[in-house]
Amino acid sequence: MNKFVVAAAFASTFALAAPAFADTNVFDSSATYVAQDIAAQGYNVLSVEQWGDLVVATVKDDAGHLTFKYFNPDTLTLVR
């Protein structure tokens, strides 16, 4: 019984963390690295994706609100 509980706990933990392991590209760069570069600017980045000719980051502010921030894909500077 104890082995089953440990296996189930491990499986559920891995299932929740699995999306973090799946990496996509954003303008030929790793989404993980793009998110890290934007986070280094002071944003709490939850995800990034390519949207048209911009990088869109989903960020959480200090109050817990989610917003979209749009960045230039070459410089990762805030566009709007």
N, C-alpha and C. Protein backbone atom coordinates (compact mmCIF):
# COMPACT_ATOMS: atom_id res chain seq x y z
N MET A 1 0.83 -1.20 0.00
CA MET A 1 0.00 0.00 0.00
C MET A 1 0.87 1.26 0.00
N ASN A 2 1.93 1.25 0.77
CA ASN A 2 2.79 2.42 0.87
C ASN A 2 3.47 2.71 -0.47
N LYS A 3 3.86 1.67 -1.21
CA LYS A 3 4.49 1.87 -2.51
C LYS A 3 3.51 2.51 -3.49
N PHE A 4 2.24 2.13 -3.38
CA PHE A 4 1.23 2.70 -4.26
C PHE A 4 1.05 4.20 -4.00
N VAL A 5 1.04 4.59 -2.75
CA VAL A 5 0.87 6.00 -2.39
C VAL A 5 2.05 6.82 -2.91
N VAL A 6 3.26 6.29 -2.75
CA VAL A 6 4.45 7.00 -3.22
C VAL A 6 4.42 7.11 -4.74
N ALA A 7 4.07 6.02 -5.41
CA ALA A 7 4.01 6.04 -6.88
C ALA A 7 2.94 7.01 -7.37
N ALA A 8 1.80 7.02 -6.72
CA ALA A 8 0.73 7.93 -7.12
C ALA A 8 1.12 9.39 -6.89
N ALA A 9 1.79 9.66 -5.78
CA ALA A 9 2.23 11.03 -5.49
C ALA A 9 3.27 11.48 -6.52
N PHE A 10 4.17 10.59 -6.87
CA PHE A 10 5.20 10.93 -7.86
C PHE A 10 4.55 11.17 -9.22
N ALA A 11 3.63 10.31 -9.61
CA ALA A 11 2.98 10.44 -10.91
C ALA A 11 2.19 11.73 -11.00
N SER A 12 1.48 12.09 -9.94
CA SER A 12 0.69 13.32 -9.99
C SER A 12 1.59 14.54 -10.00
N THR A 13 2.70 14.50 -9.29
CA THR A 13 3.65 15.62 -9.30
C THR A 13 4.25 15.79 -10.67
N PHE A 14 4.64 14.67 -11.31
CA PHE A 14 5.23 14.74 -12.64
C PHE A 14 4.21 15.24 -13.66
N ALA A 15 2.97 14.82 -13.52
CA ALA A 15 1.92 15.26 -14.46
C ALA A 15 1.71 16.77 -14.37
N LEU A 16 1.80 17.33 -13.18
CA LEU A 16 1.64 18.77 -13.02
C LEU A 16 2.85 19.53 -13.55
N ALA A 17 4.02 18.95 -13.45
CA ALA A 17 5.24 19.62 -13.88
C ALA A 17 5.54 19.39 -15.36
N ALA A 18 4.86 18.46 -15.98
CA ALA A 18 5.16 18.11 -17.37
C ALA A 18 5.08 19.30 -18.31
N PRO A 19 4.09 20.20 -18.21
CA PRO A 19 4.08 21.33 -19.13
C PRO A 19 5.32 22.22 -19.02
N ALA A 20 5.95 22.26 -17.87
CA ALA A 20 7.17 23.05 -17.72
C ALA A 20 8.32 22.45 -18.51
N PHE A 21 8.29 21.15 -18.73
CA PHE A 21 9.35 20.49 -19.48
C PHE A 21 9.17 20.66 -20.98
N ALA A 22 7.94 20.82 -21.41
CA ALA A 22 7.67 20.97 -22.84
C ALA A 22 8.04 22.39 -23.25
N ASP A 23 9.03 22.50 -24.10
CA ASP A 23 9.50 23.82 -24.51
C ASP A 23 9.16 24.04 -25.97
N THR A 24 8.76 25.24 -26.28
CA THR A 24 8.47 25.62 -27.65
C THR A 24 9.43 26.72 -28.06
N ASN A 25 9.37 27.05 -29.31
CA ASN A 25 10.22 28.14 -29.81
C ASN A 25 9.39 29.39 -30.01
N VAL A 26 9.99 30.51 -29.73
CA VAL A 26 9.41 31.82 -29.98
C VAL A 26 10.42 32.57 -30.83
N PHE A 27 10.07 32.78 -32.10
CA PHE A 27 10.99 33.43 -33.04
C PHE A 27 12.37 32.75 -33.02
N ASP A 28 12.39 31.46 -33.17
CA ASP A 28 13.62 30.65 -33.23
C ASP A 28 14.46 30.69 -31.96
N SER A 29 13.87 31.08 -30.86
CA SER A 29 14.54 31.03 -29.56
C SER A 29 13.70 30.18 -28.62
N SER A 30 14.34 29.57 -27.67
CA SER A 30 13.63 28.77 -26.68
C SER A 30 12.69 29.66 -25.87
N ALA A 31 11.44 29.24 -25.72
CA ALA A 31 10.47 30.01 -24.94
C ALA A 31 10.94 30.16 -23.50
N THR A 32 11.64 29.17 -22.99
CA THR A 32 12.16 29.25 -21.62
C THR A 32 13.15 30.40 -21.49
N TYR A 33 14.06 30.52 -22.45
CA TYR A 33 15.05 31.59 -22.38
C TYR A 33 14.42 32.96 -22.62
N VAL A 34 13.44 33.03 -23.49
CA VAL A 34 12.74 34.30 -23.72
C VAL A 34 12.04 34.73 -22.43
N ALA A 35 11.37 33.78 -21.78
CA ALA A 35 10.69 34.09 -20.51
C ALA A 35 11.68 34.55 -19.46
N GLN A 36 12.85 33.91 -19.40
CA GLN A 36 13.87 34.31 -18.42
C GLN A 36 14.38 35.71 -18.71
N ASP A 37 14.58 36.04 -19.98
CA ASP A 37 15.06 37.38 -20.33
C ASP A 37 14.04 38.45 -19.98
N ILE A 38 12.76 38.16 -20.20
CA ILE A 38 11.72 39.13 -19.84
C ILE A 38 11.60 39.22 -18.32
N ALA A 39 11.71 38.10 -17.62
CA ALA A 39 11.64 38.10 -16.16
C ALA A 39 12.80 38.91 -15.57
N ALA A 40 13.94 38.91 -16.23
CA ALA A 40 15.09 39.68 -15.75
C ALA A 40 14.80 41.18 -15.79
N GLN A 41 13.79 41.59 -16.55
CA GLN A 41 13.39 42.99 -16.60
C GLN A 41 12.44 43.34 -15.45
N GLY A 42 12.11 42.36 -14.61
CA GLY A 42 11.28 42.63 -13.45
C GLY A 42 9.85 42.13 -13.54
N TYR A 43 9.52 41.40 -14.58
CA TYR A 43 8.17 40.88 -14.74
C TYR A 43 8.07 39.47 -14.17
N ASN A 44 6.91 39.15 -13.61
CA ASN A 44 6.61 37.80 -13.13
C ASN A 44 5.97 37.06 -14.30
N VAL A 45 6.77 36.41 -15.12
CA VAL A 45 6.32 35.81 -16.37
C VAL A 45 5.78 34.41 -16.13
N LEU A 46 4.56 34.18 -16.61
CA LEU A 46 3.96 32.86 -16.51
C LEU A 46 4.12 32.08 -17.81
N SER A 47 4.06 32.77 -18.95
CA SER A 47 4.24 32.11 -20.24
C SER A 47 4.57 33.15 -21.29
N VAL A 48 5.15 32.67 -22.39
CA VAL A 48 5.43 33.53 -23.54
C VAL A 48 5.03 32.78 -24.80
N GLU A 49 4.66 33.54 -25.81
CA GLU A 49 4.33 32.93 -27.09
C GLU A 49 4.53 33.93 -28.20
N GLN A 50 4.65 33.41 -29.39
CA GLN A 50 4.78 34.24 -30.58
C GLN A 50 3.37 34.62 -31.02
N TRP A 51 3.15 35.91 -31.24
CA TRP A 51 1.83 36.39 -31.63
C TRP A 51 2.03 37.41 -32.74
N GLY A 52 1.82 36.99 -33.97
CA GLY A 52 2.08 37.88 -35.10
C GLY A 52 3.56 38.21 -35.15
N ASP A 53 3.87 39.49 -35.14
CA ASP A 53 5.27 39.90 -35.16
C ASP A 53 5.76 40.36 -33.79
N LEU A 54 5.07 39.93 -32.72
CA LEU A 54 5.45 40.29 -31.36
C LEU A 54 5.58 39.05 -30.47
N VAL A 55 6.29 39.23 -29.37
CA VAL A 55 6.32 38.23 -28.31
C VAL A 55 5.31 38.68 -27.26
N VAL A 56 4.39 37.79 -26.90
CA VAL A 56 3.39 38.11 -25.89
C VAL A 56 3.72 37.33 -24.63
N ALA A 57 3.84 38.05 -23.53
CA ALA A 57 4.10 37.42 -22.24
C ALA A 57 2.88 37.58 -21.35
N THR A 58 2.47 36.49 -20.73
CA THR A 58 1.44 36.55 -19.70
C THR A 58 2.16 36.78 -18.39
N VAL A 59 1.86 37.89 -17.74
CA VAL A 59 2.55 38.26 -16.51
C VAL A 59 1.54 38.46 -15.38
N LYS A 60 2.01 38.24 -14.17
CA LYS A 60 1.19 38.44 -12.98
C LYS A 60 1.76 39.63 -12.21
N ASP A 61 0.89 40.58 -11.88
CA ASP A 61 1.36 41.75 -11.12
C ASP A 61 1.31 41.45 -9.62
N ASP A 62 1.70 42.43 -8.81
CA ASP A 62 1.78 42.24 -7.37
C ASP A 62 0.42 41.95 -6.73
N ALA A 63 -0.66 42.40 -7.37
CA ALA A 63 -2.00 42.16 -6.84
C ALA A 63 -2.56 40.81 -7.29
N GLY A 64 -1.79 40.11 -8.12
CA GLY A 64 -2.23 38.80 -8.59
C GLY A 64 -3.02 38.83 -9.88
N HIS A 65 -3.12 40.00 -10.51
CA HIS A 65 -3.85 40.11 -11.77
C HIS A 65 -2.97 39.66 -12.94
N LEU A 66 -3.56 38.96 -13.88
CA LEU A 66 -2.86 38.52 -15.07
C LEU A 66 -3.07 39.53 -16.19
N THR A 67 -1.98 39.88 -16.86
CA THR A 67 -2.06 40.80 -17.99
C THR A 67 -1.16 40.29 -19.11
N PHE A 68 -1.37 40.82 -20.29
CA PHE A 68 -0.50 40.52 -21.43
C PHE A 68 0.42 41.70 -21.65
N LYS A 69 1.68 41.41 -21.86
CA LYS A 69 2.66 42.44 -22.21
C LYS A 69 3.24 42.05 -23.57
N TYR A 70 3.41 43.02 -24.44
CA TYR A 70 3.86 42.78 -25.80
C TYR A 70 5.29 43.31 -25.96
N PHE A 71 6.16 42.47 -26.51
CA PHE A 71 7.57 42.79 -26.61
C PHE A 71 8.07 42.66 -28.05
N ASN A 72 9.05 43.48 -28.37
CA ASN A 72 9.74 43.38 -29.65
C ASN A 72 10.53 42.06 -29.65
N PRO A 73 10.41 41.25 -30.69
CA PRO A 73 11.09 39.94 -30.67
C PRO A 73 12.62 40.02 -30.76
N ASP A 74 13.14 41.12 -31.29
CA ASP A 74 14.61 41.24 -31.43
C ASP A 74 15.27 41.77 -30.17
N THR A 75 14.63 42.76 -29.53
CA THR A 75 15.26 43.40 -28.38
C THR A 75 14.59 43.06 -27.05
N LEU A 76 13.41 42.45 -27.13
CA LEU A 76 12.59 42.15 -25.95
C LEU A 76 12.30 43.39 -25.12
N THR A 77 12.16 44.52 -25.81
CA THR A 77 11.73 45.74 -25.14
C THR A 77 10.21 45.81 -25.20
N LEU A 78 9.61 46.42 -24.19
CA LEU A 78 8.17 46.53 -24.10
C LEU A 78 7.65 47.41 -25.23
N VAL A 79 6.68 46.91 -25.97
CA VAL A 79 6.07 47.66 -27.06
C VAL A 79 4.79 48.32 -26.59
N ARG A 80 3.94 47.52 -25.91
CA ARG A 80 2.70 48.07 -25.37
C ARG A 80 2.21 47.21 -24.25
